[in-house]
PDB file of N, CA and C in Angstrom:
ATOM      1  N   MET A   1       3.336   8.932  -6.827  1.00  0.00           N
ATOM      2  CA  MET A   1       2.985   7.994  -7.810  1.00  0.00           C
ATOM      3  C   MET A   1       1.894   8.002  -8.274  1.00  0.00           C
ATOM      4  N   LYS A   2       1.884   8.557 -10.014  1.00  0.00           N
ATOM      5  CA  LYS A   2       0.823   9.130 -10.361  1.00  0.00           C
ATOM      6  C   LYS A   2      -0.539   8.344 -10.796  1.00  0.00           C
ATOM      7  N   SER A   3      -1.592   8.874 -10.611  1.00  0.00           N
ATOM      8  CA  SER A   3      -3.058   8.279 -10.670  1.00  0.00           C
ATOM      9  C   SER A   3      -2.904   7.489 -11.853  1.00  0.00           C
ATOM     10  N   LYS A   4      -2.820   7.496 -13.170  1.00  0.00           N
ATOM     11  CA  LYS A   4      -2.600   6.951 -13.933  1.00  0.00           C
ATOM     12  C   LYS A   4      -1.947   5.043 -13.642  1.00  0.00           C
ATOM     13  N   ASP A   5      -0.557   5.933 -13.149  1.00  0.00           N
ATOM     14  CA  ASP A   5       0.394   4.547 -12.833  1.00  0.00           C
ATOM     15  C   ASP A   5      -0.264   3.619 -12.095  1.00  0.00           C
ATOM     16  N   LYS A   6      -1.250   4.367 -11.012  1.00  0.00           N
ATOM     17  CA  LYS A   6      -1.525   3.635  -9.961  1.00  0.00           C
ATOM     18  C   LYS A   6      -3.089   2.465 -10.434  1.00  0.00           C
ATOM     19  N   LYS A   7      -3.435   3.098 -11.353  1.00  0.00           N
ATOM     20  CA  LYS A   7      -4.098   2.156 -12.365  1.00  0.00           C
ATOM     21  C   LYS A   7      -3.392   1.023 -12.949  1.00  0.00           C
ATOM     22  N   ASP A   8      -2.424   1.269 -13.816  1.00  0.00           N
ATOM     23  CA  ASP A   8      -1.666   0.403 -14.721  1.00  0.00           C
ATOM     24  C   ASP A   8      -1.474  -0.421 -13.577  1.00  0.00           C
ATOM     25  N   LEU A   9      -1.218  -0.582 -12.570  1.00  0.00           N
ATOM     26  CA  LEU A   9      -0.496  -1.516 -11.672  1.00  0.00           C
ATOM     27  C   LEU A   9      -1.920  -2.525 -11.378  1.00  0.00           C
ATOM     28  N   PHE A  10      -2.891  -2.355 -11.552  1.00  0.00           N
ATOM     29  CA  PHE A  10      -4.315  -3.132 -11.315  1.00  0.00           C
ATOM     30  C   PHE A  10      -4.369  -3.855 -12.628  1.00  0.00           C
ATOM     31  N   THR A  11      -3.660  -3.490 -13.669  1.00  0.00           N
ATOM     32  CA  THR A  11      -4.108  -4.231 -15.037  1.00  0.00           C
ATOM     33  C   THR A  11      -2.827  -5.440 -15.170  1.00  0.00           C
ATOM     34  N   LYS A  12      -1.562  -4.803 -14.516  1.00  0.00           N
ATOM     35  CA  LYS A  12      -0.702  -5.954 -14.899  1.00  0.00           C
ATOM     36  C   LYS A  12      -0.767  -7.311 -14.597  1.00  0.00           C
ATOM     37  N   SER A  13       0.114  -8.668 -15.148  1.00  0.00           N
ATOM     38  CA  SER A  13      -0.081  -9.900 -14.679  1.00  0.00           C
ATOM     39  C   SER A  13       0.185  -9.974 -13.323  1.00  0.00           C
ATOM     40  N   LEU A  14       0.608 -11.159 -12.493  1.00  0.00           N
ATOM     41  CA  LEU A  14       0.763 -11.479 -11.419  1.00  0.00           C
ATOM     42  C   LEU A  14       2.312 -11.656 -11.602  1.00  0.00           C
ATOM     43  N   THR A  15       2.849 -12.086 -12.572  1.00  0.00           N
ATOM     44  CA  THR A  15       4.653 -12.059 -12.665  1.00  0.00           C
ATOM     45  C   THR A  15       5.056 -10.733 -12.920  1.00  0.00           C
ATOM     46  N   GLU A  16       4.231  -9.977 -13.553  1.00  0.00           N
ATOM     47  CA  GLU A  16       5.495  -8.224 -13.799  1.00  0.00           C
ATOM     48  C   GLU A  16       4.783  -8.049 -12.331  1.00  0.00           C
ATOM     49  N   LEU A  17       4.034  -7.980 -11.596  1.00  0.00           N
ATOM     50  CA  LEU A  17       3.818  -7.333 -10.277  1.00  0.00           C
ATOM     51  C   LEU A  17       4.911  -7.770  -9.330  1.00  0.00           C
ATOM     52  N   LYS A  18       4.884  -9.360  -9.151  1.00  0.00           N
ATOM     53  CA  LYS A  18       5.900  -9.803  -8.755  1.00  0.00           C
ATOM     54  C   LYS A  18       7.792  -9.188  -8.753  1.00  0.00           C
ATOM     55  N   LYS A  19       7.713  -9.151 -10.212  1.00  0.00           N
ATOM     56  CA  LYS A  19       8.952  -8.469 -10.749  1.00  0.00           C
ATOM     57  C   LYS A  19       9.351  -6.984 -10.122  1.00  0.00           C
ATOM     58  N   LYS A  20       8.177  -6.074 -10.240  1.00  0.00           N
ATOM     59  CA  LYS A  20       8.149  -5.103  -9.596  1.00  0.00           C
ATOM     60  C   LYS A  20       7.876  -4.814  -8.121  1.00  0.00           C
ATOM     61  N   LEU A  21       7.835  -5.849  -7.321  1.00  0.00           N
ATOM     62  CA  LEU A  21       7.736  -5.638  -5.986  1.00  0.00           C
ATOM     63  C   LEU A  21       9.246  -5.934  -5.712  1.00  0.00           C
ATOM     64  N   SER A  22       9.832  -7.021  -6.396  1.00  0.00           N
ATOM     65  CA  SER A  22      11.448  -7.425  -6.009  1.00  0.00           C
ATOM     66  C   SER A  22      12.125  -6.307  -6.282  1.00  0.00           C
ATOM     67  N   ASP A  23      11.941  -5.678  -6.966  1.00  0.00           N
ATOM     68  CA  ASP A  23      12.839  -4.078  -7.903  1.00  0.00           C
ATOM     69  C   ASP A  23      12.332  -3.132  -6.790  1.00  0.00           C
ATOM     70  N   GLY A  24      11.264  -2.655  -6.290  1.00  0.00           N
ATOM     71  CA  GLY A  24      10.702  -2.164  -5.427  1.00  0.00           C
ATOM     72  C   GLY A  24      11.432  -2.126  -4.054  1.00  0.00           C
ATOM     73  N   ARG A  25      11.461  -3.255  -3.578  1.00  0.00           N
ATOM     74  CA  ARG A  25      12.356  -4.021  -2.385  1.00  0.00           C
ATOM     75  C   ARG A  25      13.542  -3.612  -2.406  1.00  0.00           C
ATOM     76  N   ASP A  26      14.251  -3.640  -3.232  1.00  0.00           N
ATOM     77  CA  ASP A  26      15.765  -3.627  -3.569  1.00  0.00           C
ATOM     78  C   ASP A  26      15.847  -2.074  -3.614  1.00  0.00           C
ATOM     79  N   GLU A  27      15.143  -1.330  -4.313  1.00  0.00           N
ATOM     80  CA  GLU A  27      15.278   0.131  -4.195  1.00  0.00           C
ATOM     81  C   GLU A  27      15.079   0.728  -2.854  1.00  0.00           C
ATOM     82  N   LEU A  28      14.468   0.072  -2.400  1.00  0.00           N
ATOM     83  CA  LEU A  28      14.062   1.003  -0.802  1.00  0.00           C
ATOM     84  C   LEU A  28      15.507   0.356   0.255  1.00  0.00           C
ATOM     85  N   PHE A  29      15.908  -0.867  -0.245  1.00  0.00           N
ATOM     86  CA  PHE A  29      16.850  -1.459   0.668  1.00  0.00           C
ATOM     87  C   PHE A  29      18.139  -0.355   0.231  1.00  0.00           C
ATOM     88  N   ASN A  30      18.235   0.122  -0.829  1.00  0.00           N
ATOM     89  CA  ASN A  30      19.138   0.854  -1.497  1.00  0.00           C
ATOM     90  C   ASN A  30      19.535   2.366  -0.533  1.00  0.00           C
ATOM     91  N   LEU A  31      17.792   2.542  -0.548  1.00  0.00           N
ATOM     92  CA  LEU A  31      17.520   4.094  -0.250  1.00  0.00           C
ATOM     93  C   LEU A  31      17.938   4.378   1.462  1.00  0.00           C
ATOM     94  N   LYS A  32      17.648   3.116   2.293  1.00  0.00           N
ATOM     95  CA  LYS A  32      17.784   2.976   3.588  1.00  0.00           C
ATOM     96  C   LYS A  32      19.261   2.797   3.663  1.00  0.00           C
ATOM     97  N   LEU A  33      19.976   2.546   2.721  1.00  0.00           N
ATOM     98  CA  LEU A  33      21.633   2.365   3.444  1.00  0.00           C
ATOM     99  C   LEU A  33      22.177   3.691   2.810  1.00  0.00           C
ATOM    100  N   ASP A  34      21.746   4.118   2.010  1.00  0.00           N
ATOM    101  CA  ASP A  34      21.903   5.303   1.308  1.00  0.00           C
ATOM    102  C   ASP A  34      21.680   6.227   2.488  1.00  0.00           C
ATOM    103  N   LEU A  35      20.511   6.032   3.120  1.00  0.00           N
ATOM    104  CA  LEU A  35      20.286   7.260   4.063  1.00  0.00           C
ATOM    105  C   LEU A  35      20.956   6.785   5.609  1.00  0.00           C
ATOM    106  N   SER A  36      21.408   5.679   5.731  1.00  0.00           N
ATOM    107  CA  SER A  36      22.744   5.670   6.898  1.00  0.00           C
ATOM    108  C   SER A  36      23.751   5.788   6.562  1.00  0.00           C
ATOM    109  N   GLN A  37      24.045   6.238   5.405  1.00  0.00           N
ATOM    110  CA  GLN A  37      25.513   6.448   5.197  1.00  0.00           C
ATOM    111  C   GLN A  37      25.639   8.363   4.763  1.00  0.00           C
ATOM    112  N   ASN A  38      24.631   8.816   5.049  1.00  0.00           N
ATOM    113  CA  ASN A  38      24.193  10.225   4.737  1.00  0.00           C
ATOM    114  C   ASN A  38      24.327  10.497   3.361  1.00  0.00           C
ATOM    115  N   LYS A  39      24.036   9.885   2.461  1.00  0.00           N
ATOM    116  CA  LYS A  39      24.366   9.853   0.704  1.00  0.00           C
ATOM    117  C   LYS A  39      22.761  10.513   0.250  1.00  0.00           C
ATOM    118  N   LEU A  40      21.781  10.389   1.301  1.00  0.00           N
ATOM    119  CA  LEU A  40      20.452  10.325   0.743  1.00  0.00           C
ATOM    120  C   LEU A  40      20.183  11.989   1.050  1.00  0.00           C
ATOM    121  N   LYS A  41      20.101  12.729  -0.211  1.00  0.00           N
ATOM    122  CA  LYS A  41      19.473  13.900   0.274  1.00  0.00           C
ATOM    123  C   LYS A  41      17.922  14.460  -0.075  1.00  0.00           C
ATOM    124  N   ASN A  42      16.750  13.755  -0.188  1.00  0.00           N
ATOM    125  CA  ASN A  42      15.765  13.647  -0.316  1.00  0.00           C
ATOM    126  C   ASN A  42      15.389  12.317   0.282  1.00  0.00           C
ATOM    127  N   THR A  43      14.770  12.504   2.042  1.00  0.00           N
ATOM    128  CA  THR A  43      14.239  11.583   2.631  1.00  0.00           C
ATOM    129  C   THR A  43      13.055  10.981   2.290  1.00  0.00           C
ATOM    130  N   LYS A  44      12.257  12.093   1.873  1.00  0.00           N
ATOM    131  CA  LYS A  44      10.892  11.752   1.469  1.00  0.00           C
ATOM    132  C   LYS A  44      10.601  10.401   0.514  1.00  0.00           C
ATOM    133  N   SER A  45      11.696  10.335  -0.368  1.00  0.00           N
ATOM    134  CA  SER A  45      11.525   8.998  -1.201  1.00  0.00           C
ATOM    135  C   SER A  45      11.890   7.686  -0.798  1.00  0.00           C
ATOM    136  N   ILE A  46      11.849   7.705   0.452  1.00  0.00           N
ATOM    137  CA  ILE A  46      11.885   6.602   1.405  1.00  0.00           C
ATOM    138  C   ILE A  46      10.032   6.134   1.498  1.00  0.00           C
ATOM    139  N   THR A  47       9.607   7.365   1.965  1.00  0.00           N
ATOM    140  CA  THR A  47       8.196   7.195   2.213  1.00  0.00           C
ATOM    141  C   THR A  47       7.558   6.809   1.095  1.00  0.00           C
ATOM    142  N   LEU A  48       7.708   7.237  -0.163  1.00  0.00           N
ATOM    143  CA  LEU A  48       7.033   7.222  -1.305  1.00  0.00           C
ATOM    144  C   LEU A  48       7.223   5.882  -1.678  1.00  0.00           C
ATOM    145  N   LYS A  49       8.550   5.287  -1.748  1.00  0.00           N
ATOM    146  CA  LYS A  49       8.930   3.830  -2.106  1.00  0.00           C
ATOM    147  C   LYS A  49       8.249   2.903  -1.477  1.00  0.00           C
ATOM    148  N   ARG A  50       8.030   3.298   0.181  1.00  0.00           N
ATOM    149  CA  ARG A  50       7.232   2.498   0.816  1.00  0.00           C
ATOM    150  C   ARG A  50       5.457   2.494   0.279  1.00  0.00           C
ATOM    151  N   LYS A  51       5.256   3.412  -0.025  1.00  0.00           N
ATOM    152  CA  LYS A  51       3.727   3.562  -0.549  1.00  0.00           C
ATOM    153  C   LYS A  51       3.659   2.890  -1.576  1.00  0.00           C
ATOM    154  N   GLU A  52       4.596   2.728  -2.635  1.00  0.00           N
ATOM    155  CA  GLU A  52       4.438   2.228  -3.693  1.00  0.00           C
ATOM    156  C   GLU A  52       4.492   0.708  -3.681  1.00  0.00           C
ATOM    157  N   ILE A  53       5.602  -0.146  -2.709  1.00  0.00           N
ATOM    158  CA  ILE A  53       5.748  -1.202  -2.579  1.00  0.00           C
ATOM    159  C   ILE A  53       3.703  -1.514  -1.792  1.00  0.00           C
ATOM    160  N   ALA A  54       3.258  -0.633  -1.134  1.00  0.00           N
ATOM    161  CA  ALA A  54       2.199  -1.132  -0.386  1.00  0.00           C
ATOM    162  C   ALA A  54       0.976  -1.137  -1.637  1.00  0.00           C
ATOM    163  N   LEU A  55       1.246  -0.377  -2.724  1.00  0.00           N
ATOM    164  CA  LEU A  55       0.116  -0.746  -3.588  1.00  0.00           C
ATOM    165  C   LEU A  55       0.063  -1.700  -4.449  1.00  0.00           C
ATOM    166  N   ILE A  56       1.777  -1.909  -4.798  1.00  0.00           N
ATOM    167  CA  ILE A  56       1.677  -3.485  -5.512  1.00  0.00           C
ATOM    168  C   ILE A  56       1.214  -4.766  -4.535  1.00  0.00           C
ATOM    169  N   LEU A  57       1.639  -4.213  -3.198  1.00  0.00           N
ATOM    170  CA  LEU A  57       1.200  -5.426  -2.844  1.00  0.00           C
ATOM    171  C   LEU A  57      -0.303  -5.884  -2.697  1.00  0.00           C
ATOM    172  N   THR A  58      -0.944  -4.426  -2.643  1.00  0.00           N
ATOM    173  CA  THR A  58      -2.503  -4.793  -2.767  1.00  0.00           C
ATOM    174  C   THR A  58      -2.950  -5.094  -4.225  1.00  0.00           C
ATOM    175  N   ALA A  59      -2.349  -4.603  -4.947  1.00  0.00           N
ATOM    176  CA  ALA A  59      -2.970  -5.490  -6.500  1.00  0.00           C
ATOM    177  C   ALA A  59      -2.359  -6.788  -6.451  1.00  0.00           C
ATOM    178  N   LEU A  60      -1.326  -7.259  -5.901  1.00  0.00           N
ATOM    179  CA  LEU A  60      -1.043  -8.603  -5.941  1.00  0.00           C
ATOM    180  C   LEU A  60      -2.441  -9.625  -4.841  1.00  0.00           C
ATOM    181  N   ARG A  61      -2.528  -8.911  -4.194  1.00  0.00           N
ATOM    182  CA  ARG A  61      -3.688  -9.770  -3.234  1.00  0.00           C
ATOM    183  C   ARG A  61      -4.715  -9.589  -4.164  1.00  0.00           C
ATOM    184  N   GLU A  62      -5.368  -8.360  -4.635  1.00  0.00           N
ATOM    185  CA  GLU A  62      -6.279  -8.477  -5.287  1.00  0.00           C
ATOM    186  C   GLU A  62      -6.551  -9.549  -6.684  1.00  0.00           C
ATOM    187  N   LYS A  63      -5.201  -9.667  -7.248  1.00  0.00           N
ATOM    188  CA  LYS A  63      -5.141 -10.737  -8.359  1.00  0.00           C
ATOM    189  C   LYS A  63      -4.949 -12.004  -7.809  1.00  0.00           C
ATOM    190  N   GLU A  64      -4.749 -12.501  -6.999  1.00  0.00           N
ATOM    191  CA  GLU A  64      -4.702 -13.749  -6.064  1.00  0.00           C
ATOM    192  C   GLU A  64      -5.988 -14.057  -5.305  1.00  0.00           C
ATOM    193  N   TYR A  65      -6.749 -13.244  -5.132  1.00  0.00           N
ATOM    194  CA  TYR A  65      -8.217 -13.000  -4.495  1.00  0.00           C
ATOM    195  C   TYR A  65      -9.075 -13.506  -6.110  1.00  0.00           C
ATOM    196  N   GLU A  66      -8.941 -12.923  -6.728  1.00  0.00           N
ATOM    197  CA  GLU A  66      -9.588 -13.214  -8.265  1.00  0.00           C
ATOM    198  C   GLU A  66      -9.751 -14.519  -8.544  1.00  0.00           C
ATOM    199  N   ASN A  67      -7.961 -14.993  -8.340  1.00  0.00           N
ATOM    200  CA  ASN A  67      -8.044 -16.231  -9.141  1.00  0.00           C
ATOM    201  C   ASN A  67      -8.695 -17.433  -8.294  1.00  0.00           C
ATOM    202  N   ALA A  68      -8.596 -16.999  -6.965  1.00  0.00           N
ATOM    203  CA  ALA A  68      -9.216 -17.793  -5.949  1.00  0.00           C
ATOM    204  C   ALA A  68     -10.556 -18.087  -6.091  1.00  0.00           C
ATOM    205  N   LYS A  69     -10.803 -17.130  -6.484  1.00  0.00           N
ATOM    206  CA  LYS A  69     -12.614 -17.159  -6.373  1.00  0.00           C
ATOM    207  C   LYS A  69     -13.145 -17.691  -7.767  1.00  0.00           C
ATOM    208  N   ASN A  70     -12.155 -17.761  -8.876  1.00  0.00           N
ATOM    209  CA  ASN A  70     -12.857 -18.066 -10.095  1.00  0.00           C
ATOM    210  C   ASN A  70     -12.414 -19.626 -10.057  1.00  0.00           C
ATOM    211  N   THR A  71     -11.259 -19.955  -9.410  1.00  0.00           N
ATOM    212  CA  THR A  71     -10.954 -21.522  -9.428  1.00  0.00           C
ATOM    213  C   THR A  71     -11.938 -22.605  -8.323  1.00  0.00           C
ATOM    214  N   ASN A  72     -12.608 -21.750  -7.304  1.00  0.00           N
ATOM    215  CA  ASN A  72     -13.803 -22.107  -6.891  1.00  0.00           C
ATOM    216  C   ASN A  72     -14.921 -22.687  -7.204  1.00  0.00           C
ATOM    217  N   ARG A  73     -15.309 -21.670  -8.347  1.00  0.00           N
ATOM    218  CA  ARG A  73     -16.294 -21.975  -8.807  1.00  0.00           C
ATOM    219  C   ARG A  73     -16.542 -23.299  -9.660  1.00  0.00           C
TER     220      ARG A  73
END
């Protein structure tokens, strides 16, 4: 994932992030399925997808923390 894409994740809304997370997990599942069936040529794509999902989860958690912090004031 490029640096610009990483920064864009932190500017998206909660619903967009949740949608992207769902899509990412579906893609990861399909990649693992392809790996088990020996269809996957680039095994590094699984690692990259896992890192992308981790970034999305980090951005989601940050947004949730900001919302909780703002509502407690």
